[in-house]
Structures are given as structure tokens and as C-alpha cells.
Amino acid sequence: MTFQYLCFDKSSGIGKYANAGGCSPVLVCPESASTSEITLSGPVLGGFKNSKFSEIELKMQPGQALVLYTDGIIETKNPDGAEIGYERFNEWLLKHYSVDAAAYYHAVYNEYLIWLTGGDAQDDLTLIMMVYRGSDAPDNAQTAI
């Protein structure tokens, strides 16, 4: 079983993240129009005796988004057999960025549905978007699942 957690303090923009076999989250930086992986490998839960897990600290800047997802979105194939893949997924994350986490989520999910073009999903799908607005914003972090 894969598992990830993020404990985020929206007043400081600092979070602690751990990964147990999941896809690396993507940090979206709209200011520089870039994405980067938060790489922290860890074994799947229950897969090995005496597994060791670690966590890292993340510091988000106002306007950045953190996207957690499962491989179900990356490996989804359209009717022609082409996968979405990491590069296309990152393009979608930049193209549809919004400070409104719900609007951001729905725009990316709609791209996923268009990719399927009426076909069936081949795997489970989890997509979580968090947008950090900064400590001065009244609603300084929004999440959409």
C-alpha cells in the first residue's frame, strides 16, 4: 500500500512531508512558470520488515501550489494508446494554474476526462491540489480533493 502525508502550517508556509511508495508530489511555481518534484523515496507500507521512513520540511512561497496524485493519472491512456505521462501532466498543472484550488482541480481533472474521450479509466485516481496564498491572506491555504 502506498501512503503520503503532509502536515502544513498555513500561517508559516512550512510543512512536513513523508512518502511511502507514492508518486513524488509536484511543486508548481506560477511566478517562474515551472514545476519541480518533491523527491523523497520510501518503501511501500507493509512491504518489508523493519522499513525506515523519513520526512522532509517544505517551505512554500505565496502563490505556489503543491499537487499530490497517484500513478492512475500519469498512466492513463487515451483511445489511441498514448499515456498522459509526467511531462504532459506538468504542462496541465502550469496551463491551468489558479489561486483558487477548487477551480485548479476542476480544470486539471477536466483535461483528464478529455484525454479519456469517453473511454474508461484504467486505474484508481487521486488528485489533491493545495495552493498557498501567503500568511497575510484571509484564507491563506486552499485545498481541493
C-alpha atoms as a PDB file:
ATOM      1  CA  MET A   1       0.000   0.000   0.000  1.00  0.00           C
ATOM      2  CA  THR A   2       1.260   3.484  -0.784  1.00  0.00           C
ATOM      3  CA  PHE A   3       0.815   6.368   1.616  1.00  0.00           C
ATOM      4  CA  GLN A   4       1.823  10.014   1.836  1.00  0.00           C
ATOM      5  CA  TYR A   5       1.267  12.676   4.428  1.00  0.00           C
ATOM      6  CA  LEU A   6       1.685  16.395   4.607  1.00  0.00           C
ATOM      7  CA  CYS A   7       1.287  18.391   7.792  1.00  0.00           C
ATOM      8  CA  PHE A   8       1.185  22.032   6.728  1.00  0.00           C
ATOM      9  CA  ASP A   9       1.192  25.216   8.820  1.00  0.00           C
ATOM     10  CA  LYS A  10      -0.642  27.761   6.706  1.00  0.00           C
ATOM     11  CA  SER A  11       0.497  30.670   8.850  1.00  0.00           C
ATOM     12  CA  SER A  12       4.198  30.000   8.158  1.00  0.00           C
ATOM     13  CA  GLY A  13       4.069  28.171   4.822  1.00  0.00           C
ATOM     14  CA  ILE A  14       6.116  25.318   6.275  1.00  0.00           C
ATOM     15  CA  GLY A  15       5.103  21.688   6.067  1.00  0.00           C
ATOM     16  CA  LYS A  16       6.452  18.248   6.865  1.00  0.00           C
ATOM     17  CA  TYR A  17       6.107  15.610   4.169  1.00  0.00           C
ATOM     18  CA  ALA A  18       6.661  11.841   4.129  1.00  0.00           C
ATOM     19  CA  ASN A  19       6.233   9.282   1.371  1.00  0.00           C
ATOM     20  CA  ALA A  20       5.727   5.526   1.469  1.00  0.00           C
ATOM     21  CA  GLY A  21       5.860   4.370  -2.139  1.00  0.00           C
ATOM     22  CA  GLY A  22       3.722   7.118  -3.676  1.00  0.00           C
ATOM     23  CA  CYS A  23       4.355   9.365  -6.670  1.00  0.00           C
ATOM     24  CA  SER A  24       6.516  12.391  -5.919  1.00  0.00           C
ATOM     25  CA  PRO A  25       4.343  15.493  -5.396  1.00  0.00           C
ATOM     26  CA  VAL A  26       4.765  18.417  -7.760  1.00  0.00           C
ATOM     27  CA  LEU A  27       5.513  21.940  -6.575  1.00  0.00           C
ATOM     28  CA  VAL A  28       4.034  24.427  -9.051  1.00  0.00           C
ATOM     29  CA  CYS A  29       5.652  27.863  -9.197  1.00  0.00           C
ATOM     30  CA  PRO A  30       3.493  30.144 -11.347  1.00  0.00           C
ATOM     31  CA  GLU A  31       5.884  33.089 -10.950  1.00  0.00           C
ATOM     32  CA  SER A  32       8.650  31.212 -12.786  1.00  0.00           C
ATOM     33  CA  ALA A  33       6.231  29.055 -14.830  1.00  0.00           C
ATOM     34  CA  SER A  34       7.979  25.928 -13.549  1.00  0.00           C
ATOM     35  CA  THR A  35       7.274  22.659 -11.803  1.00  0.00           C
ATOM     36  CA  SER A  36       9.564  20.542  -9.660  1.00  0.00           C
ATOM     37  CA  GLU A  37       9.250  17.164  -7.984  1.00  0.00           C
ATOM     38  CA  ILE A  38       9.481  16.832  -4.237  1.00  0.00           C
ATOM     39  CA  THR A  39      11.582  13.687  -4.190  1.00  0.00           C
ATOM     40  CA  LEU A  40      11.587  11.605  -1.060  1.00  0.00           C
ATOM     41  CA  SER A  41      11.546   7.896  -1.663  1.00  0.00           C
ATOM     42  CA  GLY A  42      10.255   5.422   0.836  1.00  0.00           C
ATOM     43  CA  PRO A  43       9.179   1.787   0.741  1.00  0.00           C
ATOM     44  CA  VAL A  44       5.517   0.869   0.428  1.00  0.00           C
ATOM     45  CA  LEU A  45       3.702   0.283   3.700  1.00  0.00           C
ATOM     46  CA  GLY A  46       3.810  -3.323   4.855  1.00  0.00           C
ATOM     47  CA  GLY A  47       6.100  -4.408   2.041  1.00  0.00           C
ATOM     48  CA  PHE A  48       9.249  -5.038   4.055  1.00  0.00           C
ATOM     49  CA  LYS A  49      10.147  -5.840   7.648  1.00  0.00           C
ATOM     50  CA  ASN A  50      11.782  -3.035   9.634  1.00  0.00           C
ATOM     51  CA  SER A  51      11.147  -0.396   6.971  1.00  0.00           C
ATOM     52  CA  LYS A  52      12.587   3.032   7.673  1.00  0.00           C
ATOM     53  CA  PHE A  53      10.708   6.180   6.712  1.00  0.00           C
ATOM     54  CA  SER A  54      11.808   9.774   6.783  1.00  0.00           C
ATOM     55  CA  GLU A  55      10.251  13.182   6.360  1.00  0.00           C
ATOM     56  CA  ILE A  56      11.402  16.442   4.860  1.00  0.00           C
ATOM     57  CA  GLU A  57      10.457  20.012   5.543  1.00  0.00           C
ATOM     58  CA  LEU A  58       8.844  22.022   2.755  1.00  0.00           C
ATOM     59  CA  LYS A  59       8.746  25.803   2.639  1.00  0.00           C
ATOM     60  CA  MET A  60       6.159  27.141   0.227  1.00  0.00           C
ATOM     61  CA  GLN A  61       6.126  30.676  -1.108  1.00  0.00           C
ATOM     62  CA  PRO A  62       2.870  32.612  -1.603  1.00  0.00           C
ATOM     63  CA  GLY A  63       1.191  31.601  -4.845  1.00  0.00           C
ATOM     64  CA  GLN A  64       2.837  28.191  -5.071  1.00  0.00           C
ATOM     65  CA  ALA A  65       0.764  25.031  -5.338  1.00  0.00           C
ATOM     66  CA  LEU A  66       1.541  21.524  -4.180  1.00  0.00           C
ATOM     67  CA  VAL A  67      -0.082  18.683  -6.118  1.00  0.00           C
ATOM     68  CA  LEU A  68      -0.281  15.141  -4.744  1.00  0.00           C
ATOM     69  CA  TYR A  69      -1.521  12.417  -7.100  1.00  0.00           C
ATOM     70  CA  THR A  70      -1.467   8.701  -7.808  1.00  0.00           C
ATOM     71  CA  ASP A  71       0.008   6.995 -10.852  1.00  0.00           C
ATOM     72  CA  GLY A  72      -3.533   6.441 -12.138  1.00  0.00           C
ATOM     73  CA  ILE A  73      -3.415   9.868 -13.775  1.00  0.00           C
ATOM     74  CA  ILE A  74       0.104   9.502 -15.196  1.00  0.00           C
ATOM     75  CA  GLU A  75      -0.501   6.061 -16.702  1.00  0.00           C
ATOM     76  CA  THR A  76      -3.958   6.769 -18.159  1.00  0.00           C
ATOM     77  CA  LYS A  77      -4.100   6.012 -21.860  1.00  0.00           C
ATOM     78  CA  ASN A  78      -6.323   7.687 -24.413  1.00  0.00           C
ATOM     79  CA  PRO A  79      -8.164   5.614 -27.070  1.00  0.00           C
ATOM     80  CA  ASP A  80      -5.017   5.793 -29.274  1.00  0.00           C
ATOM     81  CA  GLY A  81      -2.951   4.145 -26.515  1.00  0.00           C
ATOM     82  CA  ALA A  82      -0.875   7.224 -25.564  1.00  0.00           C
ATOM     83  CA  GLU A  83      -0.228   7.804 -21.852  1.00  0.00           C
ATOM     84  CA  ILE A  84      -0.652  11.163 -20.171  1.00  0.00           C
ATOM     85  CA  GLY A  85       2.843  10.846 -18.688  1.00  0.00           C
ATOM     86  CA  TYR A  86       4.718  13.169 -16.352  1.00  0.00           C
ATOM     87  CA  GLU A  87       5.621  15.831 -18.918  1.00  0.00           C
ATOM     88  CA  ARG A  88       2.044  16.333 -20.136  1.00  0.00           C
ATOM     89  CA  PHE A  89       0.725  16.283 -16.558  1.00  0.00           C
ATOM     90  CA  ASN A  90       3.193  19.032 -15.591  1.00  0.00           C
ATOM     91  CA  GLU A  91       2.115  21.033 -18.644  1.00  0.00           C
ATOM     92  CA  TRP A  92      -1.506  20.773 -17.478  1.00  0.00           C
ATOM     93  CA  LEU A  93      -0.508  21.926 -13.994  1.00  0.00           C
ATOM     94  CA  LEU A  94       1.096  25.071 -15.424  1.00  0.00           C
ATOM     95  CA  LYS A  95      -1.577  25.722 -18.057  1.00  0.00           C
ATOM     96  CA  HIS A  96      -4.474  25.561 -15.601  1.00  0.00           C
ATOM     97  CA  TYR A  97      -2.864  27.079 -12.513  1.00  0.00           C
ATOM     98  CA  SER A  98      -5.292  29.071 -10.393  1.00  0.00           C
ATOM     99  CA  VAL A  99      -5.006  30.564  -6.934  1.00  0.00           C
ATOM    100  CA  ASP A 100      -8.477  29.047  -6.402  1.00  0.00           C
ATOM    101  CA  ALA A 101      -7.683  25.407  -5.534  1.00  0.00           C
ATOM    102  CA  ALA A 102     -11.142  24.123  -6.498  1.00  0.00           C
ATOM    103  CA  ALA A 103     -11.032  25.808  -9.915  1.00  0.00           C
ATOM    104  CA  TYR A 104      -7.479  24.499 -10.392  1.00  0.00           C
ATOM    105  CA  TYR A 105      -8.533  20.957  -9.517  1.00  0.00           C
ATOM    106  CA  HIS A 106     -11.556  21.008 -11.830  1.00  0.00           C
ATOM    107  CA  ALA A 107      -9.550  22.377 -14.771  1.00  0.00           C
ATOM    108  CA  VAL A 108      -6.883  19.660 -14.467  1.00  0.00           C
ATOM    109  CA  TYR A 109      -9.483  16.939 -13.884  1.00  0.00           C
ATOM    110  CA  ASN A 110     -11.377  18.134 -16.963  1.00  0.00           C
ATOM    111  CA  GLU A 111      -8.158  17.708 -19.014  1.00  0.00           C
ATOM    112  CA  TYR A 112      -8.010  14.135 -17.694  1.00  0.00           C
ATOM    113  CA  LEU A 113     -11.603  13.486 -18.807  1.00  0.00           C
ATOM    114  CA  ILE A 114     -10.911  14.987 -22.236  1.00  0.00           C
ATOM    115  CA  TRP A 115      -7.862  12.708 -22.517  1.00  0.00           C
ATOM    116  CA  LEU A 116     -10.095   9.686 -21.887  1.00  0.00           C
ATOM    117  CA  THR A 117     -12.544  10.929 -24.575  1.00  0.00           C
ATOM    118  CA  GLY A 118     -15.326   8.716 -23.344  1.00  0.00           C
ATOM    119  CA  GLY A 119     -13.089   5.749 -22.541  1.00  0.00           C
ATOM    120  CA  ASP A 120     -12.804   4.127 -19.138  1.00  0.00           C
ATOM    121  CA  ALA A 121     -10.211   4.914 -16.508  1.00  0.00           C
ATOM    122  CA  GLN A 122      -7.637   2.128 -16.251  1.00  0.00           C
ATOM    123  CA  ASP A 123      -6.624   2.679 -12.613  1.00  0.00           C
ATOM    124  CA  ASP A 124      -7.595   4.478  -9.449  1.00  0.00           C
ATOM    125  CA  LEU A 125      -7.099   8.227  -9.361  1.00  0.00           C
ATOM    126  CA  THR A 126      -6.294  10.558  -6.507  1.00  0.00           C
ATOM    127  CA  LEU A 127      -5.603  14.229  -7.140  1.00  0.00           C
ATOM    128  CA  ILE A 128      -5.092  16.754  -4.338  1.00  0.00           C
ATOM    129  CA  MET A 129      -4.247  20.392  -5.023  1.00  0.00           C
ATOM    130  CA  MET A 130      -3.115  22.825  -2.327  1.00  0.00           C
ATOM    131  CA  VAL A 131      -2.480  26.486  -3.100  1.00  0.00           C
ATOM    132  CA  TYR A 132      -0.631  28.559  -0.515  1.00  0.00           C
ATOM    133  CA  ARG A 133      -1.732  32.181  -0.641  1.00  0.00           C
ATOM    134  CA  GLY A 134       0.650  33.581   1.965  1.00  0.00           C
ATOM    135  CA  SER A 135       0.356  34.316   5.657  1.00  0.00           C
ATOM    136  CA  ASP A 136      -1.328  37.694   5.074  1.00  0.00           C
ATOM    137  CA  ALA A 137      -4.240  36.289   3.035  1.00  0.00           C
ATOM    138  CA  PRO A 138      -7.521  35.768   4.938  1.00  0.00           C
ATOM    139  CA  ASP A 139      -7.868  32.244   3.521  1.00  0.00           C
ATOM    140  CA  ASN A 140      -4.163  31.572   3.178  1.00  0.00           C
ATOM    141  CA  ALA A 141      -4.234  27.944   2.027  1.00  0.00           C
ATOM    142  CA  GLN A 142      -6.880  26.188  -0.025  1.00  0.00           C
ATOM    143  CA  THR A 143      -7.105  22.501  -0.776  1.00  0.00           C
ATOM    144  CA  ALA A 144      -9.219  20.660  -3.324  1.00  0.00           C
ATOM    145  CA  ILE A 145      -9.570  16.888  -3.459  1.00  0.00           C
END
